[in-house]
Amino acid sequence: MQELTQLIKPSLILENTTFKQSFGVITGRDDSRCALGVIFGNRPQDVYGQWDELDKFLGVGDEGFRCPCCVQGGEAHLSGVIVHLNDHHKLTFKEIAVWLRSIGY
């Protein structure tokens, strides 16, 4: 059976979540979630930070992505940019979803 994120675009998952947003943690004490936590649901915690595996799960090949907010900076894994947008720039789930949709995810 295919994983949910392989059937539904991550942008749609973020747009329709009811979770409160957390920053700096996958799941907060109040059951809030960061953007990656919402997209990947209850996957094992040890998979977070393994960008190749997370991007494979999202259906991303070897392509790199740039943060849409930073003027400078190199390319990174899509999952890493999602974390960066959530934790560093504090974008809302909906704002991250708009960016994901703009790049086809």
PDB file of N, CA and C in Angstrom:
ATOM      1  N   MET A   1       0.837  -1.185   0.000  1.00  0.00           N
ATOM      2  CA  MET A   1       0.000   0.000   0.000  1.00  0.00           C
ATOM      3  C   MET A   1       0.879   1.244   0.000  1.00  0.00           C
ATOM      4  N   GLN A   2       0.560   2.208  -0.833  1.00  0.00           N
ATOM      5  CA  GLN A   2       1.339   3.439  -0.908  1.00  0.00           C
ATOM      6  C   GLN A   2       1.124   4.301   0.319  1.00  0.00           C
ATOM      7  N   GLU A   3       2.178   5.024   0.713  1.00  0.00           N
ATOM      8  CA  GLU A   3       2.082   5.952   1.826  1.00  0.00           C
ATOM      9  C   GLU A   3       1.179   7.127   1.433  1.00  0.00           C
ATOM     10  N   LEU A   4       0.565   7.743   2.423  1.00  0.00           N
ATOM     11  CA  LEU A   4      -0.345   8.862   2.185  1.00  0.00           C
ATOM     12  C   LEU A   4       0.320   9.989   1.425  1.00  0.00           C
ATOM     13  N   THR A   5       1.578  10.341   1.787  1.00  0.00           N
ATOM     14  CA  THR A   5       2.224  11.459   1.109  1.00  0.00           C
ATOM     15  C   THR A   5       2.591  11.134  -0.325  1.00  0.00           C
ATOM     16  N   GLN A   6       2.576   9.862  -0.696  1.00  0.00           N
ATOM     17  CA  GLN A   6       2.820   9.516  -2.085  1.00  0.00           C
ATOM     18  C   GLN A   6       1.526   9.606  -2.893  1.00  0.00           C
ATOM     19  N   LEU A   7       0.400   9.620  -2.231  1.00  0.00           N
ATOM     20  CA  LEU A   7      -0.889   9.722  -2.901  1.00  0.00           C
ATOM     21  C   LEU A   7      -1.425  11.148  -2.895  1.00  0.00           C
ATOM     22  N   ILE A   8      -1.118  11.885  -1.826  1.00  0.00           N
ATOM     23  CA  ILE A   8      -1.592  13.255  -1.669  1.00  0.00           C
ATOM     24  C   ILE A   8      -0.387  14.172  -1.570  1.00  0.00           C
ATOM     25  N   LYS A   9      -0.402  15.260  -2.299  1.00  0.00           N
ATOM     26  CA  LYS A   9       0.720  16.191  -2.270  1.00  0.00           C
ATOM     27  C   LYS A   9       0.901  16.772  -0.869  1.00  0.00           C
ATOM     28  N   PRO A  10       2.169  16.941  -0.447  1.00  0.00           N
ATOM     29  CA  PRO A  10       2.430  17.528   0.871  1.00  0.00           C
ATOM     30  C   PRO A  10       1.768  18.890   1.064  1.00  0.00           C
ATOM     31  N   SER A  11       1.645  19.669  -0.007  1.00  0.00           N
ATOM     32  CA  SER A  11       0.994  20.981   0.116  1.00  0.00           C
ATOM     33  C   SER A  11      -0.455  20.826   0.578  1.00  0.00           C
ATOM     34  N   LEU A  12      -1.155  19.807   0.081  1.00  0.00           N
ATOM     35  CA  LEU A  12      -2.549  19.578   0.488  1.00  0.00           C
ATOM     36  C   LEU A  12      -2.638  19.133   1.942  1.00  0.00           C
ATOM     37  N   ILE A  13      -1.674  18.328   2.373  1.00  0.00           N
ATOM     38  CA  ILE A  13      -1.664  17.877   3.769  1.00  0.00           C
ATOM     39  C   ILE A  13      -1.501  19.080   4.689  1.00  0.00           C
ATOM     40  N   LEU A  14      -0.548  19.968   4.362  1.00  0.00           N
ATOM     41  CA  LEU A  14      -0.316  21.148   5.202  1.00  0.00           C
ATOM     42  C   LEU A  14      -1.499  22.101   5.198  1.00  0.00           C
ATOM     43  N   GLU A  15      -2.123  22.268   4.037  1.00  0.00           N
ATOM     44  CA  GLU A  15      -3.259  23.193   3.938  1.00  0.00           C
ATOM     45  C   GLU A  15      -4.456  22.742   4.761  1.00  0.00           C
ATOM     46  N   ASN A  16      -4.570  21.443   4.969  1.00  0.00           N
ATOM     47  CA  ASN A  16      -5.771  20.906   5.599  1.00  0.00           C
ATOM     48  C   ASN A  16      -5.557  20.369   7.014  1.00  0.00           C
ATOM     49  N   THR A  17      -4.401  20.629   7.591  1.00  0.00           N
ATOM     50  CA  THR A  17      -4.142  20.108   8.923  1.00  0.00           C
ATOM     51  C   THR A  17      -4.878  20.904   9.989  1.00  0.00           C
ATOM     52  N   THR A  18      -5.168  20.237  11.084  1.00  0.00           N
ATOM     53  CA  THR A  18      -5.765  20.908  12.236  1.00  0.00           C
ATOM     54  C   THR A  18      -4.762  21.017  13.385  1.00  0.00           C
ATOM     55  N   PHE A  19      -3.534  20.545  13.162  1.00  0.00           N
ATOM     56  CA  PHE A  19      -2.515  20.624  14.204  1.00  0.00           C
ATOM     57  C   PHE A  19      -2.076  22.067  14.445  1.00  0.00           C
ATOM     58  N   LYS A  20      -1.793  22.378  15.678  1.00  0.00           N
ATOM     59  CA  LYS A  20      -1.156  23.630  16.033  1.00  0.00           C
ATOM     60  C   LYS A  20       0.309  23.498  15.604  1.00  0.00           C
ATOM     61  N   GLN A  21       0.938  24.594  15.184  1.00  0.00           N
ATOM     62  CA  GLN A  21       2.305  24.538  14.663  1.00  0.00           C
ATOM     63  C   GLN A  21       3.336  24.633  15.785  1.00  0.00           C
ATOM     64  N   SER A  22       4.357  23.778  15.700  1.00  0.00           N
ATOM     65  CA  SER A  22       5.473  23.825  16.640  1.00  0.00           C
ATOM     66  C   SER A  22       6.735  24.234  15.889  1.00  0.00           C
ATOM     67  N   PHE A  23       7.718  24.691  16.637  1.00  0.00           N
ATOM     68  CA  PHE A  23       8.982  25.135  16.061  1.00  0.00           C
ATOM     69  C   PHE A  23      10.122  24.491  16.829  1.00  0.00           C
ATOM     70  N   GLY A  24      11.070  23.913  16.108  1.00  0.00           N
ATOM     71  CA  GLY A  24      12.242  23.318  16.740  1.00  0.00           C
ATOM     72  C   GLY A  24      12.057  21.893  17.233  1.00  0.00           C
ATOM     73  N   VAL A  25      10.852  21.377  17.176  1.00  0.00           N
ATOM     74  CA  VAL A  25      10.571  19.990  17.559  1.00  0.00           C
ATOM     75  C   VAL A  25       9.587  19.401  16.561  1.00  0.00           C
ATOM     76  N   ILE A  26       9.673  18.094  16.373  1.00  0.00           N
ATOM     77  CA  ILE A  26       8.750  17.415  15.453  1.00  0.00           C
ATOM     78  C   ILE A  26       7.336  17.451  16.041  1.00  0.00           C
ATOM     79  N   THR A  27       7.217  17.016  17.298  1.00  0.00           N
ATOM     80  CA  THR A  27       5.934  16.998  17.992  1.00  0.00           C
ATOM     81  C   THR A  27       6.115  17.667  19.346  1.00  0.00           C
ATOM     82  N   GLY A  28       5.318  18.683  19.618  1.00  0.00           N
ATOM     83  CA  GLY A  28       5.386  19.381  20.888  1.00  0.00           C
ATOM     84  C   GLY A  28       4.635  18.642  21.979  1.00  0.00           C
ATOM     85  N   ARG A  29       4.829  19.068  23.198  1.00  0.00           N
ATOM     86  CA  ARG A  29       4.155  18.445  24.351  1.00  0.00           C
ATOM     87  C   ARG A  29       2.640  18.569  24.255  1.00  0.00           C
ATOM     88  N   ASP A  30       2.182  19.593  23.568  1.00  0.00           N
ATOM     89  CA  ASP A  30       0.742  19.812  23.412  1.00  0.00           C
ATOM     90  C   ASP A  30       0.208  19.165  22.134  1.00  0.00           C
ATOM     91  N   ASP A  31       0.964  18.222  21.568  1.00  0.00           N
ATOM     92  CA  ASP A  31       0.633  17.510  20.324  1.00  0.00           C
ATOM     93  C   ASP A  31       0.669  18.426  19.106  1.00  0.00           C
ATOM     94  N   SER A  32       1.321  19.583  19.239  1.00  0.00           N
ATOM     95  CA  SER A  32       1.549  20.426  18.063  1.00  0.00           C
ATOM     96  C   SER A  32       2.598  19.737  17.199  1.00  0.00           C
ATOM     97  N   ARG A  33       2.697  20.130  15.952  1.00  0.00           N
ATOM     98  CA  ARG A  33       3.638  19.513  15.018  1.00  0.00           C
ATOM     99  C   ARG A  33       4.354  20.579  14.203  1.00  0.00           C
ATOM    100  N   CYS A  34       5.588  20.285  13.819  1.00  0.00           N
ATOM    101  CA  CYS A  34       6.260  21.123  12.826  1.00  0.00           C
ATOM    102  C   CYS A  34       5.737  20.688  11.458  1.00  0.00           C
ATOM    103  N   ALA A  35       6.092  21.412  10.418  1.00  0.00           N
ATOM    104  CA  ALA A  35       5.587  21.089   9.074  1.00  0.00           C
ATOM    105  C   ALA A  35       5.956  19.667   8.662  1.00  0.00           C
ATOM    106  N   LEU A  36       7.185  19.253   8.943  1.00  0.00           N
ATOM    107  CA  LEU A  36       7.602  17.894   8.583  1.00  0.00           C
ATOM    108  C   LEU A  36       6.807  16.865   9.374  1.00  0.00           C
ATOM    109  N   GLY A  37       6.529  17.155  10.639  1.00  0.00           N
ATOM    110  CA  GLY A  37       5.729  16.254  11.464  1.00  0.00           C
ATOM    111  C   GLY A  37       4.320  16.083  10.933  1.00  0.00           C
ATOM    112  N   VAL A  38       3.763  17.148  10.377  1.00  0.00           N
ATOM    113  CA  VAL A  38       2.425  17.069   9.780  1.00  0.00           C
ATOM    114  C   VAL A  38       2.479  16.231   8.501  1.00  0.00           C
ATOM    115  N   ILE A  39       3.461  16.497   7.663  1.00  0.00           N
ATOM    116  CA  ILE A  39       3.561  15.796   6.375  1.00  0.00           C
ATOM    117  C   ILE A  39       3.814  14.307   6.566  1.00  0.00           C
ATOM    118  N   PHE A  40       4.710  13.963   7.475  1.00  0.00           N
ATOM    119  CA  PHE A  40       5.111  12.564   7.629  1.00  0.00           C
ATOM    120  C   PHE A  40       4.359  11.814   8.708  1.00  0.00           C
ATOM    121  N   GLY A  41       3.538  12.501   9.477  1.00  0.00           N
ATOM    122  CA  GLY A  41       2.711  11.825  10.464  1.00  0.00           C
ATOM    123  C   GLY A  41       3.518  11.121  11.529  1.00  0.00           C
ATOM    124  N   ASN A  42       3.183   9.898  11.809  1.00  0.00           N
ATOM    125  CA  ASN A  42       3.778   9.159  12.913  1.00  0.00           C
ATOM    126  C   ASN A  42       4.944   8.271  12.491  1.00  0.00           C
ATOM    127  N   ARG A  43       5.747   8.742  11.575  1.00  0.00           N
ATOM    128  CA  ARG A  43       6.935   7.979  11.187  1.00  0.00           C
ATOM    129  C   ARG A  43       7.905   7.964  12.359  1.00  0.00           C
ATOM    130  N   PRO A  44       8.765   6.965  12.437  1.00  0.00           N
ATOM    131  CA  PRO A  44       9.730   6.903  13.549  1.00  0.00           C
ATOM    132  C   PRO A  44      10.593   8.157  13.632  1.00  0.00           C
ATOM    133  N   GLN A  45      10.847   8.640  14.844  1.00  0.00           N
ATOM    134  CA  GLN A  45      11.624   9.854  15.056  1.00  0.00           C
ATOM    135  C   GLN A  45      13.021   9.764  14.470  1.00  0.00           C
ATOM    136  N   ASP A  46      13.616   8.570  14.415  1.00  0.00           N
ATOM    137  CA  ASP A  46      15.001   8.460  13.937  1.00  0.00           C
ATOM    138  C   ASP A  46      15.138   8.700  12.438  1.00  0.00           C
ATOM    139  N   VAL A  47      14.052   8.781  11.696  1.00  0.00           N
ATOM    140  CA  VAL A  47      14.131   9.058  10.263  1.00  0.00           C
ATOM    141  C   VAL A  47      14.320  10.556  10.001  1.00  0.00           C
ATOM    142  N   TYR A  48      13.930  11.393  10.969  1.00  0.00           N
ATOM    143  CA  TYR A  48      14.073  12.830  10.784  1.00  0.00           C
ATOM    144  C   TYR A  48      15.546  13.200  10.782  1.00  0.00           C
ATOM    145  N   GLY A  49      15.941  14.023   9.841  1.00  0.00           N
ATOM    146  CA  GLY A  49      17.350  14.384   9.679  1.00  0.00           C
ATOM    147  C   GLY A  49      18.035  13.540   8.625  1.00  0.00           C
ATOM    148  N   GLN A  50      17.411  12.456   8.199  1.00  0.00           N
ATOM    149  CA  GLN A  50      17.944  11.638   7.117  1.00  0.00           C
ATOM    150  C   GLN A  50      17.304  12.139   5.824  1.00  0.00           C
ATOM    151  N   TRP A  51      17.838  13.259   5.352  1.00  0.00           N
ATOM    152  CA  TRP A  51      17.209  14.008   4.260  1.00  0.00           C
ATOM    153  C   TRP A  51      17.008  13.180   3.004  1.00  0.00           C
ATOM    154  N   ASP A  52      17.963  12.325   2.640  1.00  0.00           N
ATOM    155  CA  ASP A  52      17.803  11.494   1.440  1.00  0.00           C
ATOM    156  C   ASP A  52      16.565  10.609   1.550  1.00  0.00           C
ATOM    157  N   GLU A  53      16.407   9.979   2.702  1.00  0.00           N
ATOM    158  CA  GLU A  53      15.262   9.087   2.902  1.00  0.00           C
ATOM    159  C   GLU A  53      13.941   9.854   2.895  1.00  0.00           C
ATOM    160  N   LEU A  54      13.917  11.004   3.542  1.00  0.00           N
ATOM    161  CA  LEU A  54      12.686  11.804   3.572  1.00  0.00           C
ATOM    162  C   LEU A  54      12.325  12.296   2.176  1.00  0.00           C
ATOM    163  N   ASP A  55      13.325  12.747   1.417  1.00  0.00           N
ATOM    164  CA  ASP A  55      13.041  13.220   0.061  1.00  0.00           C
ATOM    165  C   ASP A  55      12.570  12.077  -0.833  1.00  0.00           C
ATOM    166  N   LYS A  56      13.128  10.900  -0.648  1.00  0.00           N
ATOM    167  CA  LYS A  56      12.678   9.737  -1.415  1.00  0.00           C
ATOM    168  C   LYS A  56      11.207   9.462  -1.113  1.00  0.00           C
ATOM    169  N   PHE A  57      10.844   9.570   0.146  1.00  0.00           N
ATOM    170  CA  PHE A  57       9.466   9.370   0.572  1.00  0.00           C
ATOM    171  C   PHE A  57       8.535  10.385  -0.082  1.00  0.00           C
ATOM    172  N   LEU A  58       9.049  11.608  -0.303  1.00  0.00           N
ATOM    173  CA  LEU A  58       8.256  12.659  -0.963  1.00  0.00           C
ATOM    174  C   LEU A  58       8.234  12.504  -2.483  1.00  0.00           C
ATOM    175  N   GLY A  59       9.007  11.567  -3.008  1.00  0.00           N
ATOM    176  CA  GLY A  59       9.062  11.369  -4.449  1.00  0.00           C
ATOM    177  C   GLY A  59      10.025  12.306  -5.146  1.00  0.00           C
ATOM    178  N   VAL A  60      10.995  12.852  -4.396  1.00  0.00           N
ATOM    179  CA  VAL A  60      11.976  13.784  -4.948  1.00  0.00           C
ATOM    180  C   VAL A  60      13.198  13.003  -5.397  1.00  0.00           C
ATOM    181  N   GLY A  61      13.718  13.353  -6.558  1.00  0.00           N
ATOM    182  CA  GLY A  61      14.941  12.719  -7.053  1.00  0.00           C
ATOM    183  C   GLY A  61      16.170  13.378  -6.453  1.00  0.00           C
ATOM    184  N   ASP A  62      17.175  13.582  -7.272  1.00  0.00           N
ATOM    185  CA  ASP A  62      18.430  14.177  -6.808  1.00  0.00           C
ATOM    186  C   ASP A  62      18.440  15.694  -6.888  1.00  0.00           C
ATOM    187  N   GLU A  63      17.310  16.287  -7.206  1.00  0.00           N
ATOM    188  CA  GLU A  63      17.289  17.734  -7.369  1.00  0.00           C
ATOM    189  C   GLU A  63      17.451  18.452  -6.026  1.00  0.00           C
ATOM    190  N   GLY A  64      18.006  19.653  -6.084  1.00  0.00           N
ATOM    191  CA  GLY A  64      18.164  20.473  -4.896  1.00  0.00           C
ATOM    192  C   GLY A  64      17.173  21.623  -4.924  1.00  0.00           C
ATOM    193  N   PHE A  65      16.909  22.185  -3.774  1.00  0.00           N
ATOM    194  CA  PHE A  65      15.929  23.264  -3.644  1.00  0.00           C
ATOM    195  C   PHE A  65      16.541  24.420  -2.868  1.00  0.00           C
ATOM    196  N   ARG A  66      16.136  25.616  -3.212  1.00  0.00           N
ATOM    197  CA  ARG A  66      16.597  26.820  -2.517  1.00  0.00           C
ATOM    198  C   ARG A  66      15.470  27.381  -1.665  1.00  0.00           C
ATOM    199  N   CYS A  67      15.858  27.944  -0.541  1.00  0.00           N
ATOM    200  CA  CYS A  67      14.884  28.612   0.326  1.00  0.00           C
ATOM    201  C   CYS A  67      14.324  29.819  -0.423  1.00  0.00           C
ATOM    202  N   PRO A  68      13.004  29.944  -0.498  1.00  0.00           N
ATOM    203  CA  PRO A  68      12.413  31.080  -1.209  1.00  0.00           C
ATOM    204  C   PRO A  68      12.535  32.393  -0.433  1.00  0.00           C
ATOM    205  N   CYS A  69      12.956  32.337   0.815  1.00  0.00           N
ATOM    206  CA  CYS A  69      13.055  33.542   1.650  1.00  0.00           C
ATOM    207  C   CYS A  69      14.471  34.091   1.749  1.00  0.00           C
ATOM    208  N   CYS A  70      15.467  33.239   1.615  1.00  0.00           N
ATOM    209  CA  CYS A  70      16.861  33.661   1.772  1.00  0.00           C
ATOM    210  C   CYS A  70      17.397  34.199   0.449  1.00  0.00           C
ATOM    211  N   VAL A  71      18.087  35.308   0.515  1.00  0.00           N
ATOM    212  CA  VAL A  71      18.672  35.903  -0.691  1.00  0.00           C
ATOM    213  C   VAL A  71      19.848  35.066  -1.164  1.00  0.00           C
ATOM    214  N   GLN A  72      20.660  34.626  -0.223  1.00  0.00           N
ATOM    215  CA  GLN A  72      21.822  33.811  -0.561  1.00  0.00           C
ATOM    216  C   GLN A  72      21.624  32.420   0.002  1.00  0.00           C
ATOM    217  N   GLY A  73      22.456  31.528  -0.428  1.00  0.00           N
ATOM    218  CA  GLY A  73      22.379  30.164   0.084  1.00  0.00           C
ATOM    219  C   GLY A  73      22.343  29.177  -1.050  1.00  0.00           C
ATOM    220  N   GLY A  74      22.811  28.001  -0.752  1.00  0.00           N
ATOM    221  CA  GLY A  74      22.867  26.958  -1.763  1.00  0.00           C
ATOM    222  C   GLY A  74      21.616  26.110  -1.769  1.00  0.00           C
ATOM    223  N   GLU A  75      21.712  25.033  -2.516  1.00  0.00           N
ATOM    224  CA  GLU A  75      20.584  24.117  -2.612  1.00  0.00           C
ATOM    225  C   GLU A  75      20.632  23.110  -1.471  1.00  0.00           C
ATOM    226  N   ALA A  76      19.470  22.627  -1.103  1.00  0.00           N
ATOM    227  CA  ALA A  76      19.358  21.648  -0.024  1.00  0.00           C
ATOM    228  C   ALA A  76      18.263  20.645  -0.378  1.00  0.00           C
ATOM    229  N   HIS A  77      18.160  19.623   0.420  1.00  0.00           N
ATOM    230  CA  HIS A  77      17.074  18.654   0.264  1.00  0.00           C
ATOM    231  C   HIS A  77      15.742  19.349   0.527  1.00  0.00           C
ATOM    232  N   LEU A  78      14.712  18.913  -0.158  1.00  0.00           N
ATOM    233  CA  LEU A  78      13.391  19.502   0.014  1.00  0.00           C
ATOM    234  C   LEU A  78      12.948  19.441   1.473  1.00  0.00           C
ATOM    235  N   SER A  79      13.131  18.294   2.108  1.00  0.00           N
ATOM    236  CA  SER A  79      12.718  18.161   3.506  1.00  0.00           C
ATOM    237  C   SER A  79      13.503  19.116   4.402  1.00  0.00           C
ATOM    238  N   GLY A  80      14.768  19.353   4.090  1.00  0.00           N
ATOM    239  CA  GLY A  80      15.569  20.302   4.856  1.00  0.00           C
ATOM    240  C   GLY A  80      15.081  21.731   4.698  1.00  0.00           C
ATOM    241  N   VAL A  81      14.662  22.089   3.484  1.00  0.00           N
ATOM    242  CA  VAL A  81      14.128  23.432   3.253  1.00  0.00           C
ATOM    243  C   VAL A  81      12.797  23.602   3.989  1.00  0.00           C
ATOM    244  N   ILE A  82      11.985  22.557   4.035  1.00  0.00           N
ATOM    245  CA  ILE A  82      10.716  22.621   4.766  1.00  0.00           C
ATOM    246  C   ILE A  82      10.986  22.906   6.251  1.00  0.00           C
ATOM    247  N   VAL A  83      11.957  22.206   6.834  1.00  0.00           N
ATOM    248  CA  VAL A  83      12.327  22.439   8.233  1.00  0.00           C
ATOM    249  C   VAL A  83      12.820  23.874   8.418  1.00  0.00           C
ATOM    250  N   HIS A  84      13.663  24.325   7.500  1.00  0.00           N
ATOM    251  CA  HIS A  84      14.212  25.684   7.554  1.00  0.00           C
ATOM    252  C   HIS A  84      13.092  26.729   7.497  1.00  0.00           C
ATOM    253  N   LEU A  85      12.134  26.551   6.604  1.00  0.00           N
ATOM    254  CA  LEU A  85      11.017  27.496   6.487  1.00  0.00           C
ATOM    255  C   LEU A  85      10.171  27.505   7.756  1.00  0.00           C
ATOM    256  N   ASN A  86       9.968  26.334   8.334  1.00  0.00           N
ATOM    257  CA  ASN A  86       9.174  26.212   9.556  1.00  0.00           C
ATOM    258  C   ASN A  86       9.903  26.829  10.756  1.00  0.00           C
ATOM    259  N   ASP A  87      11.143  26.407  10.979  1.00  0.00           N
ATOM    260  CA  ASP A  87      11.855  26.779  12.205  1.00  0.00           C
ATOM    261  C   ASP A  87      12.566  28.124  12.140  1.00  0.00           C
ATOM    262  N   HIS A  88      13.196  28.436  11.021  1.00  0.00           N
ATOM    263  CA  HIS A  88      13.972  29.673  10.915  1.00  0.00           C
ATOM    264  C   HIS A  88      13.099  30.869  10.531  1.00  0.00           C
ATOM    265  N   HIS A  89      12.315  30.693   9.477  1.00  0.00           N
ATOM    266  CA  HIS A  89      11.493  31.801   8.988  1.00  0.00           C
ATOM    267  C   HIS A  89      10.112  31.846   9.640  1.00  0.00           C
ATOM    268  N   LYS A  90       9.750  30.789  10.338  1.00  0.00           N
ATOM    269  CA  LYS A  90       8.454  30.708  11.035  1.00  0.00           C
ATOM    270  C   LYS A  90       7.268  30.890  10.087  1.00  0.00           C
ATOM    271  N   LEU A  91       7.418  30.358   8.849  1.00  0.00           N
ATOM    272  CA  LEU A  91       6.298  30.413   7.924  1.00  0.00           C
ATOM    273  C   LEU A  91       5.174  29.530   8.455  1.00  0.00           C
ATOM    274  N   THR A  92       3.944  29.922   8.191  1.00  0.00           N
ATOM    275  CA  THR A  92       2.795  29.113   8.594  1.00  0.00           C
ATOM    276  C   THR A  92       2.712  27.887   7.690  1.00  0.00           C
ATOM    277  N   PHE A  93       1.914  26.914   8.126  1.00  0.00           N
ATOM    278  CA  PHE A  93       1.698  25.735   7.285  1.00  0.00           C
ATOM    279  C   PHE A  93       1.174  26.140   5.911  1.00  0.00           C
ATOM    280  N   LYS A  94       0.250  27.068   5.888  1.00  0.00           N
ATOM    281  CA  LYS A  94      -0.334  27.494   4.611  1.00  0.00           C
ATOM    282  C   LYS A  94       0.708  28.161   3.720  1.00  0.00           C
ATOM    283  N   GLU A  95       1.591  28.973   4.296  1.00  0.00           N
ATOM    284  CA  GLU A  95       2.645  29.624   3.504  1.00  0.00           C
ATOM    285  C   GLU A  95       3.627  28.594   2.936  1.00  0.00           C
ATOM    286  N   ILE A  96       3.964  27.595   3.735  1.00  0.00           N
ATOM    287  CA  ILE A  96       4.843  26.528   3.242  1.00  0.00           C
ATOM    288  C   ILE A  96       4.134  25.748   2.139  1.00  0.00           C
ATOM    289  N   ALA A  97       2.840  25.513   2.304  1.00  0.00           N
ATOM    290  CA  ALA A  97       2.049  24.803   1.290  1.00  0.00           C
ATOM    291  C   ALA A  97       2.032  25.559  -0.032  1.00  0.00           C
ATOM    292  N   VAL A  98       1.899  26.885   0.025  1.00  0.00           N
ATOM    293  CA  VAL A  98       1.904  27.698  -1.201  1.00  0.00           C
ATOM    294  C   VAL A  98       3.230  27.526  -1.922  1.00  0.00           C
ATOM    295  N   TRP A  99       4.330  27.569  -1.179  1.00  0.00           N
ATOM    296  CA  TRP A  99       5.644  27.380  -1.809  1.00  0.00           C
ATOM    297  C   TRP A  99       5.765  25.977  -2.392  1.00  0.00           C
ATOM    298  N   LEU A 100       5.353  24.953  -1.650  1.00  0.00           N
ATOM    299  CA  LEU A 100       5.426  23.574  -2.148  1.00  0.00           C
ATOM    300  C   LEU A 100       4.618  23.431  -3.438  1.00  0.00           C
ATOM    301  N   ARG A 101       3.438  24.012  -3.453  1.00  0.00           N
ATOM    302  CA  ARG A 101       2.601  23.947  -4.677  1.00  0.00           C
ATOM    303  C   ARG A 101       3.298  24.631  -5.847  1.00  0.00           C
ATOM    304  N   SER A 102       3.990  25.741  -5.565  1.00  0.00           N
ATOM    305  CA  SER A 102       4.656  26.490  -6.642  1.00  0.00           C
ATOM    306  C   SER A 102       5.791  25.712  -7.293  1.00  0.00           C
ATOM    307  N   ILE A 103       6.329  24.716  -6.564  1.00  0.00           N
ATOM    308  CA  ILE A 103       7.399  23.877  -7.127  1.00  0.00           C
ATOM    309  C   ILE A 103       6.898  22.478  -7.486  1.00  0.00           C
ATOM    310  N   GLY A 104       5.589  22.302  -7.457  1.00  0.00           N
ATOM    311  CA  GLY A 104       5.003  21.037  -7.905  1.00  0.00           C
ATOM    312  C   GLY A 104       4.794  19.979  -6.852  1.00  0.00           C
ATOM    313  N   TYR A 105       4.897  20.361  -5.589  1.00  0.00           N
ATOM    314  CA  TYR A 105       4.694  19.400  -4.519  1.00  0.00           C
ATOM    315  C   TYR A 105       3.537  19.803  -3.632  1.00  0.00           C
TER     316      TYR A 105
END
